[in-house]
Amino acid sequence: MTTAADRSSQRIQGADGALIDMWVYRAAARGGAMTPAPAVVMAHGIGGVKAAGLDPFARAFAAAGHTCFVFDYRHWGASGGEPREVLSVPAQLADYRTVLQHARTAEGVDPERVFVWGTSFAGMHVVELAASEPYLAGAIAQCPLVDGLAGLLNVPPARGLRLMRQALLDRVGATRGAEPRYLPLIVGEGEFGVIATEDALLGQERLAPIDGSPWPNRITARSLLDVTFSRPVRRAGRAQCPMLLVVAEDDTMAPTAPAVRAAARAPRGELYRSRGGHYDVYAGGTDHDNVLAVELAFLERVGAQRV
């Protein structure tokens, strides 16, 4: 496995001038070979930061010979951008594209073997990128939300209406220069917030930032409008590269039917049904080891086809 010394920090400029903060995990040399390594560009889901649960994946990929670029979106984590904790689908896609282009030109990386990886809400971005970026070698989306409208309909109606009211008030307020309205992101069952599934608090515990950095557990209410109206499942049929979707059998957060459809519609789509719930793909979860093995096998097999 890679050591702490193998992970370095970098900052690059995003599309609007804000800095994107990333961790770079250098690929372990295989058999002493110094040939260019494949790369994996990785980011988190709604409200997630790079320090929260992504390190075990990046370390495993790097140990298997992949250089990993794990980044925080603008407005989140250690990256720049104001206001804080605002989710914009176009901005996050732009950040992915910025880091992907950075990875393609990075020293020691094979530009023909660059993969995109995303978890939870980032599954939306992965599907869209697979459909729009012809240079990608492959794409992995785990526990993906690929249909924002289906995600909203998964929320109890009374809570969904209350959330949407706050989102609209925040959007109107933003046009008038008002301070953002923030919503709690992860809460216990019966409490008011964005994610109130029965395993939400377990997820918060499992994804505690490894660097000890504070996580604000909030999101601007206007962000929910971007989530609702993003439906990349409709673009899955245009995916230009092999795409692996890891879909949890008991996911109570990201609706599974649209993700299964996305895998079926993608011309080179693959599906793995992981055991357990939304947070069981992460370290400490019931299916983490199997998920890692499936993803590593996909990276190895698809990467070998591009050599």
C-alpha atoms as a PDB file:
ATOM      1  CA  MET A   1       0.000   0.000   0.000  1.00  0.00           C
ATOM      2  CA  THR A   2       1.065   3.607  -0.426  1.00  0.00           C
ATOM      3  CA  THR A   3       2.340   5.443   2.630  1.00  0.00           C
ATOM      4  CA  ALA A   4       1.453   8.913   3.886  1.00  0.00           C
ATOM      5  CA  ALA A   5       4.539  10.201   2.084  1.00  0.00           C
ATOM      6  CA  ASP A   6       3.045   9.011  -1.224  1.00  0.00           C
ATOM      7  CA  ARG A   7       0.083  11.372  -0.829  1.00  0.00           C
ATOM      8  CA  SER A   8       0.815  14.978  -1.663  1.00  0.00           C
ATOM      9  CA  SER A   9      -1.355  18.089  -1.722  1.00  0.00           C
ATOM     10  CA  GLN A  10      -1.833  20.244  -4.794  1.00  0.00           C
ATOM     11  CA  ARG A  11      -3.942  23.258  -5.691  1.00  0.00           C
ATOM     12  CA  ILE A  12      -4.973  24.223  -9.188  1.00  0.00           C
ATOM     13  CA  GLN A  13      -7.145  27.016 -10.509  1.00  0.00           C
ATOM     14  CA  GLY A  14     -10.771  26.273 -11.250  1.00  0.00           C
ATOM     15  CA  ALA A  15     -12.914  27.685 -14.032  1.00  0.00           C
ATOM     16  CA  ASP A  16     -13.906  30.816 -12.061  1.00  0.00           C
ATOM     17  CA  GLY A  17     -10.468  31.431 -10.572  1.00  0.00           C
ATOM     18  CA  ALA A  18     -11.195  29.696  -7.253  1.00  0.00           C
ATOM     19  CA  LEU A  19      -8.565  27.164  -6.194  1.00  0.00           C
ATOM     20  CA  ILE A  20      -9.348  23.436  -6.297  1.00  0.00           C
ATOM     21  CA  ASP A  21      -7.599  21.516  -3.547  1.00  0.00           C
ATOM     22  CA  MET A  22      -6.609  17.906  -4.201  1.00  0.00           C
ATOM     23  CA  TRP A  23      -4.647  14.996  -2.816  1.00  0.00           C
ATOM     24  CA  VAL A  24      -2.464  13.130  -5.287  1.00  0.00           C
ATOM     25  CA  TYR A  25      -1.669   9.471  -4.611  1.00  0.00           C
ATOM     26  CA  ARG A  26       1.257   8.342  -6.746  1.00  0.00           C
ATOM     27  CA  ALA A  27       1.028   4.954  -8.395  1.00  0.00           C
ATOM     28  CA  ALA A  28       3.186   2.212  -6.936  1.00  0.00           C
ATOM     29  CA  ALA A  29       5.693   0.967  -9.517  1.00  0.00           C
ATOM     30  CA  ARG A  30       4.965  -2.488 -10.836  1.00  0.00           C
ATOM     31  CA  GLY A  31       8.000  -4.720 -11.097  1.00  0.00           C
ATOM     32  CA  GLY A  32      10.272  -1.706 -11.118  1.00  0.00           C
ATOM     33  CA  ALA A  33       8.736  -0.454 -14.357  1.00  0.00           C
ATOM     34  CA  MET A  34       8.651   3.323 -14.877  1.00  0.00           C
ATOM     35  CA  THR A  35       6.090   3.371 -17.697  1.00  0.00           C
ATOM     36  CA  PRO A  36       3.322   6.022 -17.481  1.00  0.00           C
ATOM     37  CA  ALA A  37       0.579   4.991 -15.071  1.00  0.00           C
ATOM     38  CA  PRO A  38      -3.178   5.110 -15.541  1.00  0.00           C
ATOM     39  CA  ALA A  39      -4.970   7.752 -13.487  1.00  0.00           C
ATOM     40  CA  VAL A  40      -8.239   7.944 -11.556  1.00  0.00           C
ATOM     41  CA  VAL A  41      -9.908  11.304 -10.853  1.00  0.00           C
ATOM     42  CA  MET A  42     -12.124  11.041  -7.787  1.00  0.00           C
ATOM     43  CA  ALA A  43     -14.659  13.174  -5.905  1.00  0.00           C
ATOM     44  CA  HIS A  44     -17.415  12.791  -3.328  1.00  0.00           C
ATOM     45  CA  GLY A  45     -21.182  13.042  -3.220  1.00  0.00           C
ATOM     46  CA  ILE A  46     -23.547  15.673  -1.849  1.00  0.00           C
ATOM     47  CA  GLY A  47     -21.829  17.592   0.928  1.00  0.00           C
ATOM     48  CA  GLY A  48     -18.863  15.222   0.948  1.00  0.00           C
ATOM     49  CA  VAL A  49     -15.203  16.206   1.076  1.00  0.00           C
ATOM     50  CA  LYS A  50     -12.131  14.322  -0.075  1.00  0.00           C
ATOM     51  CA  ALA A  51     -11.066  13.493   3.491  1.00  0.00           C
ATOM     52  CA  ALA A  52     -14.330  11.661   4.149  1.00  0.00           C
ATOM     53  CA  GLY A  53     -14.103   8.027   3.132  1.00  0.00           C
ATOM     54  CA  LEU A  54     -12.224   8.285  -0.176  1.00  0.00           C
ATOM     55  CA  ASP A  55      -8.717   7.603   1.139  1.00  0.00           C
ATOM     56  CA  PRO A  56      -9.092   3.785   1.343  1.00  0.00           C
ATOM     57  CA  PHE A  57     -10.170   3.653  -2.309  1.00  0.00           C
ATOM     58  CA  ALA A  58      -7.391   5.934  -3.500  1.00  0.00           C
ATOM     59  CA  ARG A  59      -4.749   4.031  -1.549  1.00  0.00           C
ATOM     60  CA  ALA A  60      -5.924   0.694  -2.961  1.00  0.00           C
ATOM     61  CA  PHE A  61      -5.970   2.054  -6.503  1.00  0.00           C
ATOM     62  CA  ALA A  62      -2.509   3.599  -6.087  1.00  0.00           C
ATOM     63  CA  ALA A  63      -1.104   0.365  -4.667  1.00  0.00           C
ATOM     64  CA  ALA A  64      -2.389  -1.374  -7.803  1.00  0.00           C
ATOM     65  CA  GLY A  65      -0.525   1.073 -10.043  1.00  0.00           C
ATOM     66  CA  HIS A  66      -2.966   3.979 -10.589  1.00  0.00           C
ATOM     67  CA  THR A  67      -2.167   7.611  -9.798  1.00  0.00           C
ATOM     68  CA  CYS A  68      -5.225   9.103  -8.077  1.00  0.00           C
ATOM     69  CA  PHE A  69      -6.324  12.732  -8.019  1.00  0.00           C
ATOM     70  CA  VAL A  70      -8.853  13.195  -5.209  1.00  0.00           C
ATOM     71  CA  PHE A  71     -10.322  16.698  -5.032  1.00  0.00           C
ATOM     72  CA  ASP A  72     -12.761  18.959  -3.224  1.00  0.00           C
ATOM     73  CA  TYR A  73     -15.270  20.827  -5.338  1.00  0.00           C
ATOM     74  CA  ARG A  74     -15.231  24.603  -5.229  1.00  0.00           C
ATOM     75  CA  HIS A  75     -17.208  25.914  -2.229  1.00  0.00           C
ATOM     76  CA  TRP A  76     -16.434  22.735  -0.263  1.00  0.00           C
ATOM     77  CA  GLY A  77     -13.683  21.368   1.968  1.00  0.00           C
ATOM     78  CA  ALA A  78     -10.245  22.888   1.421  1.00  0.00           C
ATOM     79  CA  SER A  79     -11.097  24.372  -1.979  1.00  0.00           C
ATOM     80  CA  GLY A  80     -11.924  28.049  -2.476  1.00  0.00           C
ATOM     81  CA  GLY A  81     -15.159  29.666  -3.556  1.00  0.00           C
ATOM     82  CA  GLU A  82     -17.925  31.675  -1.908  1.00  0.00           C
ATOM     83  CA  PRO A  83     -20.519  31.220  -0.594  1.00  0.00           C
ATOM     84  CA  ARG A  84     -19.544  28.088   1.243  1.00  0.00           C
ATOM     85  CA  GLU A  85     -21.389  24.776   0.946  1.00  0.00           C
ATOM     86  CA  VAL A  86     -23.252  25.619  -2.236  1.00  0.00           C
ATOM     87  CA  LEU A  87     -23.814  22.820  -4.752  1.00  0.00           C
ATOM     88  CA  SER A  88     -23.898  23.691  -8.424  1.00  0.00           C
ATOM     89  CA  VAL A  89     -24.053  20.810 -10.900  1.00  0.00           C
ATOM     90  CA  PRO A  90     -22.443  22.841 -13.727  1.00  0.00           C
ATOM     91  CA  ALA A  91     -19.681  24.065 -11.405  1.00  0.00           C
ATOM     92  CA  GLN A  92     -18.944  20.576 -10.086  1.00  0.00           C
ATOM     93  CA  LEU A  93     -18.842  19.174 -13.612  1.00  0.00           C
ATOM     94  CA  ALA A  94     -16.464  21.982 -14.558  1.00  0.00           C
ATOM     95  CA  ASP A  95     -14.240  21.054 -11.600  1.00  0.00           C
ATOM     96  CA  TYR A  96     -14.181  17.424 -12.680  1.00  0.00           C
ATOM     97  CA  ARG A  97     -13.174  18.491 -16.196  1.00  0.00           C
ATOM     98  CA  THR A  98     -10.461  20.793 -14.835  1.00  0.00           C
ATOM     99  CA  VAL A  99      -8.938  18.013 -12.740  1.00  0.00           C
ATOM    100  CA  LEU A 100      -9.296  15.484 -15.555  1.00  0.00           C
ATOM    101  CA  GLN A 101      -7.348  17.738 -17.909  1.00  0.00           C
ATOM    102  CA  HIS A 102      -4.754  18.319 -15.196  1.00  0.00           C
ATOM    103  CA  ALA A 103      -4.403  14.559 -14.725  1.00  0.00           C
ATOM    104  CA  ARG A 104      -3.987  13.975 -18.470  1.00  0.00           C
ATOM    105  CA  THR A 105      -0.967  16.288 -18.569  1.00  0.00           C
ATOM    106  CA  ALA A 106       0.538  15.302 -15.213  1.00  0.00           C
ATOM    107  CA  GLU A 107       4.020  13.836 -15.165  1.00  0.00           C
ATOM    108  CA  GLY A 108       4.034  10.047 -15.142  1.00  0.00           C
ATOM    109  CA  VAL A 109       0.389   9.667 -16.264  1.00  0.00           C
ATOM    110  CA  ASP A 110      -0.725   7.884 -19.421  1.00  0.00           C
ATOM    111  CA  PRO A 111      -3.260  10.306 -21.014  1.00  0.00           C
ATOM    112  CA  GLU A 112      -4.947   7.404 -22.806  1.00  0.00           C
ATOM    113  CA  ARG A 113      -5.810   5.683 -19.518  1.00  0.00           C
ATOM    114  CA  VAL A 114      -7.596   8.300 -17.431  1.00  0.00           C
ATOM    115  CA  PHE A 115     -10.656   7.137 -15.487  1.00  0.00           C
ATOM    116  CA  VAL A 116     -13.350   9.098 -13.673  1.00  0.00           C
ATOM    117  CA  TRP A 117     -14.731   7.841 -10.338  1.00  0.00           C
ATOM    118  CA  GLY A 118     -17.529   9.212  -8.198  1.00  0.00           C
ATOM    119  CA  THR A 119     -19.639   8.127  -5.276  1.00  0.00           C
ATOM    120  CA  SER A 120     -23.267   8.867  -4.334  1.00  0.00           C
ATOM    121  CA  PHE A 121     -24.340  12.219  -5.838  1.00  0.00           C
ATOM    122  CA  ALA A 122     -21.124  12.294  -7.895  1.00  0.00           C
ATOM    123  CA  GLY A 123     -22.626   9.398  -9.834  1.00  0.00           C
ATOM    124  CA  MET A 124     -24.583  12.090 -11.669  1.00  0.00           C
ATOM    125  CA  HIS A 125     -21.346  13.676 -12.810  1.00  0.00           C
ATOM    126  CA  VAL A 126     -19.787  10.346 -13.756  1.00  0.00           C
ATOM    127  CA  VAL A 127     -22.663   9.447 -16.091  1.00  0.00           C
ATOM    128  CA  GLU A 128     -22.619  12.892 -17.700  1.00  0.00           C
ATOM    129  CA  LEU A 129     -18.837  12.819 -18.165  1.00  0.00           C
ATOM    130  CA  ALA A 130     -18.961   9.320 -19.645  1.00  0.00           C
ATOM    131  CA  ALA A 131     -21.466  10.669 -22.182  1.00  0.00           C
ATOM    132  CA  SER A 132     -19.543  13.835 -23.030  1.00  0.00           C
ATOM    133  CA  GLU A 133     -15.780  13.240 -22.696  1.00  0.00           C
ATOM    134  CA  PRO A 134     -14.536  10.911 -25.455  1.00  0.00           C
ATOM    135  CA  TYR A 135     -10.991  10.696 -24.069  1.00  0.00           C
ATOM    136  CA  LEU A 136     -12.038   8.826 -20.911  1.00  0.00           C
ATOM    137  CA  ALA A 137     -10.790   5.261 -20.600  1.00  0.00           C
ATOM    138  CA  GLY A 138     -13.602   4.296 -18.242  1.00  0.00           C
ATOM    139  CA  ALA A 139     -15.974   5.462 -15.509  1.00  0.00           C
ATOM    140  CA  ILE A 140     -17.018   4.133 -12.097  1.00  0.00           C
ATOM    141  CA  ALA A 141     -20.075   5.296 -10.146  1.00  0.00           C
ATOM    142  CA  GLN A 142     -20.831   3.714  -6.785  1.00  0.00           C
ATOM    143  CA  CYS A 143     -24.170   4.000  -4.987  1.00  0.00           C
ATOM    144  CA  PRO A 144     -24.979   6.605  -7.626  1.00  0.00           C
ATOM    145  CA  LEU A 145     -27.803   9.093  -7.669  1.00  0.00           C
ATOM    146  CA  VAL A 146     -28.431   9.428 -11.407  1.00  0.00           C
ATOM    147  CA  ASP A 147     -31.936  10.940 -11.343  1.00  0.00           C
ATOM    148  CA  GLY A 148     -32.490  13.941  -9.101  1.00  0.00           C
ATOM    149  CA  LEU A 149     -36.264  13.909  -9.525  1.00  0.00           C
ATOM    150  CA  ALA A 150     -36.399  10.278  -8.401  1.00  0.00           C
ATOM    151  CA  GLY A 151     -34.286  11.287  -5.415  1.00  0.00           C
ATOM    152  CA  LEU A 152     -36.800  13.975  -4.446  1.00  0.00           C
ATOM    153  CA  LEU A 153     -39.715  11.572  -4.844  1.00  0.00           C
ATOM    154  CA  ASN A 154     -37.878   9.228  -2.481  1.00  0.00           C
ATOM    155  CA  VAL A 155     -38.344  11.819   0.292  1.00  0.00           C
ATOM    156  CA  PRO A 156     -41.594  11.810   2.320  1.00  0.00           C
ATOM    157  CA  PRO A 157     -43.915  14.388   0.673  1.00  0.00           C
ATOM    158  CA  ALA A 158     -44.293  16.710   3.656  1.00  0.00           C
ATOM    159  CA  ARG A 159     -40.546  16.944   4.182  1.00  0.00           C
ATOM    160  CA  GLY A 160     -39.939  17.269   0.443  1.00  0.00           C
ATOM    161  CA  LEU A 161     -42.322  20.229   0.184  1.00  0.00           C
ATOM    162  CA  ARG A 162     -40.701  21.886   3.181  1.00  0.00           C
ATOM    163  CA  LEU A 163     -37.245  21.421   1.669  1.00  0.00           C
ATOM    164  CA  MET A 164     -38.353  22.817  -1.695  1.00  0.00           C
ATOM    165  CA  ARG A 165     -39.904  25.847  -0.020  1.00  0.00           C
ATOM    166  CA  GLN A 166     -36.587  26.619   1.648  1.00  0.00           C
ATOM    167  CA  ALA A 167     -34.764  26.051  -1.650  1.00  0.00           C
ATOM    168  CA  LEU A 168     -36.991  28.508  -3.521  1.00  0.00           C
ATOM    169  CA  LEU A 169     -36.724  31.130  -0.781  1.00  0.00           C
ATOM    170  CA  ASP A 170     -32.943  30.802  -0.848  1.00  0.00           C
ATOM    171  CA  ARG A 171     -32.806  31.078  -4.663  1.00  0.00           C
ATOM    172  CA  VAL A 172     -34.967  34.215  -4.608  1.00  0.00           C
ATOM    173  CA  GLY A 173     -32.893  35.637  -1.791  1.00  0.00           C
ATOM    174  CA  ALA A 174     -29.680  35.013  -3.730  1.00  0.00           C
ATOM    175  CA  THR A 175     -30.959  37.152  -6.624  1.00  0.00           C
ATOM    176  CA  ARG A 176     -31.423  39.987  -4.131  1.00  0.00           C
ATOM    177  CA  GLY A 177     -28.023  39.614  -2.517  1.00  0.00           C
ATOM    178  CA  ALA A 178     -29.324  38.053   0.710  1.00  0.00           C
ATOM    179  CA  GLU A 179     -27.185  35.775   2.854  1.00  0.00           C
ATOM    180  CA  PRO A 180     -27.639  32.057   2.060  1.00  0.00           C
ATOM    181  CA  ARG A 181     -30.208  29.930   3.844  1.00  0.00           C
ATOM    182  CA  TYR A 182     -28.553  26.754   5.107  1.00  0.00           C
ATOM    183  CA  LEU A 183     -30.152  23.378   5.750  1.00  0.00           C
ATOM    184  CA  PRO A 184     -28.798  20.583   7.958  1.00  0.00           C
ATOM    185  CA  LEU A 185     -27.433  17.890   5.665  1.00  0.00           C
ATOM    186  CA  ILE A 186     -27.403  14.681   7.734  1.00  0.00           C
ATOM    187  CA  VAL A 187     -29.893  14.326  10.579  1.00  0.00           C
ATOM    188  CA  GLY A 188     -31.525  11.545  12.561  1.00  0.00           C
ATOM    189  CA  GLU A 189     -34.818   9.952  11.532  1.00  0.00           C
ATOM    190  CA  GLY A 190     -37.729  12.286  12.176  1.00  0.00           C
ATOM    191  CA  GLU A 191     -35.532  15.404  12.233  1.00  0.00           C
ATOM    192  CA  PHE A 192     -35.631  18.083   9.564  1.00  0.00           C
ATOM    193  CA  GLY A 193     -32.764  17.997   7.119  1.00  0.00           C
ATOM    194  CA  VAL A 194     -31.749  16.835   3.687  1.00  0.00           C
ATOM    195  CA  ILE A 195     -30.713  13.261   4.526  1.00  0.00           C
ATOM    196  CA  ALA A 196     -32.787  11.591   7.247  1.00  0.00           C
ATOM    197  CA  THR A 197     -32.610   7.913   6.300  1.00  0.00           C
ATOM    198  CA  GLU A 198     -32.361   5.236   8.970  1.00  0.00           C
ATOM    199  CA  ASP A 199     -28.635   4.815   8.288  1.00  0.00           C
ATOM    200  CA  ALA A 200     -27.797   8.516   7.884  1.00  0.00           C
ATOM    201  CA  LEU A 201     -26.037   8.876  11.241  1.00  0.00           C
ATOM    202  CA  LEU A 202     -24.087   5.676  10.589  1.00  0.00           C
ATOM    203  CA  GLY A 203     -22.943   7.229   7.337  1.00  0.00           C
ATOM    204  CA  GLN A 204     -21.873  10.390   9.122  1.00  0.00           C
ATOM    205  CA  GLU A 205     -19.795   8.299  11.519  1.00  0.00           C
ATOM    206  CA  ARG A 206     -18.302   6.119   8.774  1.00  0.00           C
ATOM    207  CA  LEU A 207     -17.326   9.135   6.663  1.00  0.00           C
ATOM    208  CA  ALA A 208     -15.745  11.241   9.396  1.00  0.00           C
ATOM    209  CA  PRO A 209     -12.832  13.212   7.841  1.00  0.00           C
ATOM    210  CA  ILE A 210      -9.559  11.342   8.410  1.00  0.00           C
ATOM    211  CA  ASP A 211      -7.526  14.547   8.740  1.00  0.00           C
ATOM    212  CA  GLY A 212      -9.577  15.807  11.665  1.00  0.00           C
ATOM    213  CA  SER A 213     -10.886  18.752   9.673  1.00  0.00           C
ATOM    214  CA  PRO A 214     -14.292  20.089  10.688  1.00  0.00           C
ATOM    215  CA  TRP A 215     -17.244  19.166   8.518  1.00  0.00           C
ATOM    216  CA  PRO A 216     -20.060  21.733   8.691  1.00  0.00           C
ATOM    217  CA  ASN A 217     -22.908  19.264   7.919  1.00  0.00           C
ATOM    218  CA  ARG A 218     -24.907  21.874   6.057  1.00  0.00           C
ATOM    219  CA  ILE A 219     -25.793  22.906   2.511  1.00  0.00           C
ATOM    220  CA  THR A 220     -27.302  26.007   0.975  1.00  0.00           C
ATOM    221  CA  ALA A 221     -31.001  25.378   0.415  1.00  0.00           C
ATOM    222  CA  ARG A 222     -30.812  26.575  -3.208  1.00  0.00           C
ATOM    223  CA  SER A 223     -28.550  23.608  -3.949  1.00  0.00           C
ATOM    224  CA  LEU A 224     -31.547  21.257  -3.825  1.00  0.00           C
ATOM    225  CA  LEU A 225     -32.933  22.803  -7.008  1.00  0.00           C
ATOM    226  CA  ASP A 226     -29.790  21.777  -8.889  1.00  0.00           C
ATOM    227  CA  VAL A 227     -30.099  18.277  -7.460  1.00  0.00           C
ATOM    228  CA  THR A 228     -33.756  17.888  -8.438  1.00  0.00           C
ATOM    229  CA  PHE A 229     -33.426  19.013 -12.041  1.00  0.00           C
ATOM    230  CA  SER A 230     -30.310  16.995 -12.856  1.00  0.00           C
ATOM    231  CA  ARG A 231     -31.286  13.717 -14.570  1.00  0.00           C
ATOM    232  CA  PRO A 232     -28.243  12.255 -16.362  1.00  0.00           C
ATOM    233  CA  VAL A 233     -29.849   8.794 -16.423  1.00  0.00           C
ATOM    234  CA  ARG A 234     -31.352  10.030 -19.693  1.00  0.00           C
ATOM    235  CA  ARG A 235     -27.818  10.426 -21.092  1.00  0.00           C
ATOM    236  CA  ALA A 236     -26.527   6.979 -20.150  1.00  0.00           C
ATOM    237  CA  GLY A 237     -27.161   5.624 -23.636  1.00  0.00           C
ATOM    238  CA  ARG A 238     -24.557   8.058 -24.953  1.00  0.00           C
ATOM    239  CA  ALA A 239     -21.752   6.853 -22.701  1.00  0.00           C
ATOM    240  CA  GLN A 240     -18.650   6.520 -24.835  1.00  0.00           C
ATOM    241  CA  CYS A 241     -16.496   4.446 -22.512  1.00  0.00           C
ATOM    242  CA  PRO A 242     -16.922   1.349 -20.338  1.00  0.00           C
ATOM    243  CA  MET A 243     -18.920   2.321 -17.254  1.00  0.00           C
ATOM    244  CA  LEU A 244     -19.259   0.352 -14.017  1.00  0.00           C
ATOM    245  CA  LEU A 245     -22.170   1.126 -11.701  1.00  0.00           C
ATOM    246  CA  VAL A 246     -21.985  -0.257  -8.169  1.00  0.00           C
ATOM    247  CA  VAL A 247     -25.561  -0.261  -6.872  1.00  0.00           C
ATOM    248  CA  ALA A 248     -26.341  -1.192  -3.269  1.00  0.00           C
ATOM    249  CA  GLU A 249     -29.146  -3.714  -2.855  1.00  0.00           C
ATOM    250  CA  ASP A 250     -30.609  -1.909   0.176  1.00  0.00           C
ATOM    251  CA  ASP A 251     -29.873   1.731  -0.698  1.00  0.00           C
ATOM    252  CA  THR A 252     -32.385   3.979   1.082  1.00  0.00           C
ATOM    253  CA  MET A 253     -30.792   7.218  -0.133  1.00  0.00           C
ATOM    254  CA  ALA A 254     -30.093   6.919  -3.874  1.00  0.00           C
ATOM    255  CA  PRO A 255     -32.971   5.250  -5.774  1.00  0.00           C
ATOM    256  CA  THR A 256     -31.599   2.073  -7.331  1.00  0.00           C
ATOM    257  CA  ALA A 257     -33.969   1.578 -10.289  1.00  0.00           C
ATOM    258  CA  PRO A 258     -32.598   4.550 -12.284  1.00  0.00           C
ATOM    259  CA  ALA A 259     -29.021   3.385 -11.635  1.00  0.00           C
ATOM    260  CA  VAL A 260     -29.818  -0.122 -12.855  1.00  0.00           C
ATOM    261  CA  ARG A 261     -31.422   1.409 -15.954  1.00  0.00           C
ATOM    262  CA  ALA A 262     -28.335   3.532 -16.554  1.00  0.00           C
ATOM    263  CA  ALA A 263     -26.131   0.428 -16.496  1.00  0.00           C
ATOM    264  CA  ALA A 264     -28.466  -1.296 -18.977  1.00  0.00           C
ATOM    265  CA  ARG A 265     -28.667   1.690 -21.308  1.00  0.00           C
ATOM    266  CA  ALA A 266     -24.927   2.381 -21.445  1.00  0.00           C
ATOM    267  CA  PRO A 267     -23.471   0.658 -24.535  1.00  0.00           C
ATOM    268  CA  ARG A 268     -20.607  -0.728 -22.432  1.00  0.00           C
ATOM    269  CA  GLY A 269     -22.305  -0.611 -19.055  1.00  0.00           C
ATOM    270  CA  GLU A 270     -21.590  -3.044 -16.224  1.00  0.00           C
ATOM    271  CA  LEU A 271     -23.529  -3.539 -13.000  1.00  0.00           C
ATOM    272  CA  TYR A 272     -22.440  -4.840  -9.600  1.00  0.00           C
ATOM    273  CA  ARG A 273     -25.121  -5.194  -6.914  1.00  0.00           C
ATOM    274  CA  SER A 274     -23.340  -4.638  -3.628  1.00  0.00           C
ATOM    275  CA  ARG A 275     -24.594  -6.123  -0.374  1.00  0.00           C
ATOM    276  CA  GLY A 276     -26.018  -3.800   2.248  1.00  0.00           C
ATOM    277  CA  GLY A 277     -26.946  -0.142   2.150  1.00  0.00           C
ATOM    278  CA  HIS A 278     -25.660   3.152   0.830  1.00  0.00           C
ATOM    279  CA  TYR A 279     -22.781   3.395   3.285  1.00  0.00           C
ATOM    280  CA  ASP A 280     -21.707  -0.255   3.195  1.00  0.00           C
ATOM    281  CA  VAL A 281     -19.411   0.324   0.219  1.00  0.00           C
ATOM    282  CA  TYR A 282     -17.065   2.369   2.422  1.00  0.00           C
ATOM    283  CA  ALA A 283     -14.396   1.103   4.787  1.00  0.00           C
ATOM    284  CA  GLY A 284     -16.098  -0.643   7.713  1.00  0.00           C
ATOM    285  CA  GLY A 285     -19.103  -1.554   5.583  1.00  0.00           C
ATOM    286  CA  THR A 286     -20.311  -5.091   4.907  1.00  0.00           C
ATOM    287  CA  ASP A 287     -19.317  -5.082   1.228  1.00  0.00           C
ATOM    288  CA  HIS A 288     -16.334  -2.728   1.120  1.00  0.00           C
ATOM    289  CA  ASP A 289     -13.775  -5.411   0.301  1.00  0.00           C
ATOM    290  CA  ASN A 290     -15.882  -6.861  -2.501  1.00  0.00           C
ATOM    291  CA  VAL A 291     -16.576  -3.419  -3.954  1.00  0.00           C
ATOM    292  CA  LEU A 292     -12.869  -2.624  -3.957  1.00  0.00           C
ATOM    293  CA  ALA A 293     -12.084  -5.910  -5.685  1.00  0.00           C
ATOM    294  CA  VAL A 294     -14.727  -5.310  -8.377  1.00  0.00           C
ATOM    295  CA  GLU A 295     -13.549  -1.758  -9.031  1.00  0.00           C
ATOM    296  CA  LEU A 296      -9.885  -2.763  -9.152  1.00  0.00           C
ATOM    297  CA  ALA A 297     -10.674  -5.568 -11.589  1.00  0.00           C
ATOM    298  CA  PHE A 298     -12.569  -3.110 -13.805  1.00  0.00           C
ATOM    299  CA  LEU A 299      -9.690  -0.606 -13.798  1.00  0.00           C
ATOM    300  CA  GLU A 300      -7.154  -3.328 -14.581  1.00  0.00           C
ATOM    301  CA  ARG A 301      -9.197  -4.953 -17.351  1.00  0.00           C
ATOM    302  CA  VAL A 302     -10.286  -1.763 -19.082  1.00  0.00           C
ATOM    303  CA  GLY A 303      -6.879  -0.131 -18.697  1.00  0.00           C
ATOM    304  CA  ALA A 304      -5.193  -3.160 -20.289  1.00  0.00           C
ATOM    305  CA  GLN A 305      -7.421  -2.733 -23.337  1.00  0.00           C
ATOM    306  CA  ARG A 306      -6.071   0.791 -23.858  1.00  0.00           C
ATOM    307  CA  VAL A 307      -2.373  -0.122 -23.843  1.00  0.00           C
END
